[in-house]
Amino acid sequence: MQITSTALVTLLLATLGFLSPAARGALVTTTIVMYVWLALVAGFSAVYLWGSMERTYVGWTGVCVAVACYYPGILFAILTFLNLIIRQTGTTLAAHRSIGRYASSVVTC
């Protein structure tokens, strides 16, 4: 659900003209940022469902932190690895290092 929502929001922004398909770094950065913001929604949903099943909300912070940190971390690691592979080929299509620093600050903060 979170990946689908991220894809739909990114496609909507690209369709409306906010993202150029030529700027691949901007497209990947937007995808990462949207995925991180949707992790907040995933954390809320996970806590709500966990509380409904357990019939108590004791320990809800651990569930929320685990969901909100685990999902964006996986995506960030995969996309960073792919960007490093692209950078090693010497092409100009790789995202710039400043974009990587921005994305890492979004994931860690």
Protein backbone atom coordinates (compact mmCIF):
# COMPACT_ATOMS: atom_id res chain seq x y z
CA MET A 1 0.00 0.00 0.00
CA GLN A 2 2.76 2.44 0.91
CA ILE A 3 4.77 1.72 -2.23
CA THR A 4 1.66 2.02 -4.39
CA SER A 5 0.73 5.34 -2.78
CA THR A 6 4.26 6.62 -3.28
CA ALA A 7 4.20 5.65 -6.94
CA LEU A 8 0.81 7.28 -7.48
CA VAL A 9 1.79 10.56 -5.81
CA THR A 10 5.08 10.70 -7.73
CA LEU A 11 3.31 9.98 -11.02
CA LEU A 12 0.70 12.62 -10.22
CA LEU A 13 3.40 15.22 -9.56
CA ALA A 14 5.19 14.25 -12.77
CA THR A 15 1.95 14.38 -14.74
CA LEU A 16 1.12 17.85 -13.43
CA GLY A 17 4.52 19.07 -14.62
CA PHE A 18 6.27 19.52 -11.28
CA LEU A 19 8.85 16.84 -12.13
CA SER A 20 10.69 16.58 -15.40
CA PRO A 21 11.42 13.06 -16.65
CA ALA A 22 14.83 14.35 -17.81
CA ALA A 23 15.88 15.10 -14.22
CA ARG A 24 16.09 11.56 -12.87
CA GLY A 25 17.71 12.68 -9.64
CA ALA A 26 14.71 14.88 -8.85
CA LEU A 27 12.36 12.01 -9.59
CA VAL A 28 14.22 9.64 -7.27
CA THR A 29 14.48 12.29 -4.56
CA THR A 30 10.75 12.96 -4.75
CA THR A 31 10.06 9.26 -4.54
CA ILE A 32 12.23 8.91 -1.42
CA VAL A 33 10.70 11.97 0.26
CA MET A 34 7.15 10.80 -0.48
CA TYR A 35 8.00 7.35 0.82
CA VAL A 36 9.30 8.85 4.06
CA TRP A 37 6.20 10.99 4.52
CA LEU A 38 3.97 8.02 3.81
CA ALA A 39 5.91 6.11 6.47
CA LEU A 40 4.23 8.45 8.95
CA VAL A 41 0.86 7.27 7.69
CA ALA A 42 2.07 3.67 7.85
CA GLY A 43 3.18 4.17 11.46
CA PHE A 44 -0.18 5.60 12.42
CA SER A 45 -2.02 2.77 10.68
CA ALA A 46 0.20 0.13 12.28
CA VAL A 47 -0.36 1.54 15.76
CA TYR A 48 -4.10 1.73 15.17
CA LEU A 49 -4.29 -1.87 13.96
CA TRP A 50 -1.94 -3.09 16.71
CA GLY A 51 -4.04 -1.34 19.35
CA SER A 52 -7.21 -2.84 17.90
CA MET A 53 -5.78 -6.35 18.02
CA GLU A 54 -4.14 -6.04 21.45
CA ARG A 55 -7.05 -4.02 22.89
CA THR A 56 -4.55 -1.73 24.56
CA TYR A 57 -2.11 0.89 23.36
CA VAL A 58 0.63 0.12 25.88
CA GLY A 59 3.93 0.08 23.99
CA TRP A 60 2.58 1.86 20.93
CA THR A 61 5.73 3.97 20.56
CA GLY A 62 7.88 0.94 19.77
CA VAL A 63 5.51 -0.15 17.01
CA CYS A 64 5.38 3.34 15.52
CA VAL A 65 9.14 3.87 15.58
CA ALA A 66 9.83 0.43 14.11
CA VAL A 67 7.42 0.95 11.21
CA ALA A 68 8.41 4.55 10.51
CA CYS A 69 12.16 3.78 10.49
CA TYR A 70 12.23 0.32 8.98
CA TYR A 71 10.36 0.97 5.71
CA PRO A 72 12.14 4.17 4.58
CA GLY A 73 15.48 2.68 5.57
CA ILE A 74 15.01 -0.26 3.22
CA LEU A 75 14.13 1.97 0.28
CA PHE A 76 16.98 4.37 1.00
CA ALA A 77 19.50 1.52 1.16
CA ILE A 78 18.30 -0.01 -2.12
CA LEU A 79 18.27 3.28 -4.02
CA THR A 80 21.67 4.31 -2.62
CA PHE A 81 23.14 0.99 -3.73
CA LEU A 82 21.66 1.38 -7.22
CA ASN A 83 22.93 4.97 -7.42
CA LEU A 84 26.44 3.80 -6.50
CA ILE A 85 26.32 1.22 -9.27
CA ILE A 86 25.17 3.86 -11.76
CA ARG A 87 27.89 6.26 -10.57
CA GLN A 88 30.59 3.59 -11.11
CA THR A 89 29.64 3.32 -14.78
CA GLY A 90 30.64 6.96 -15.26
CA THR A 91 27.29 8.13 -16.57
CA THR A 92 25.75 11.48 -15.73
CA LEU A 93 22.39 9.90 -14.87
CA ALA A 94 23.34 9.24 -11.25
CA ALA A 95 21.88 11.47 -8.56
CA HIS A 96 24.28 14.11 -7.26
CA ARG A 97 25.87 13.66 -3.83
CA SER A 98 24.02 16.65 -2.39
CA ILE A 99 20.73 14.94 -3.21
CA GLY A 100 21.97 11.85 -1.40
CA ARG A 101 22.87 13.92 1.65
CA TYR A 102 19.45 15.57 1.60
CA ALA A 103 17.70 12.22 1.31
CA SER A 104 19.77 10.74 4.13
CA SER A 105 18.91 13.70 6.37
CA VAL A 106 15.22 13.17 5.61
CA VAL A 107 15.49 9.47 6.47
CA THR A 108 17.47 9.95 9.67
CA CYS A 109 15.57 12.95 11.06
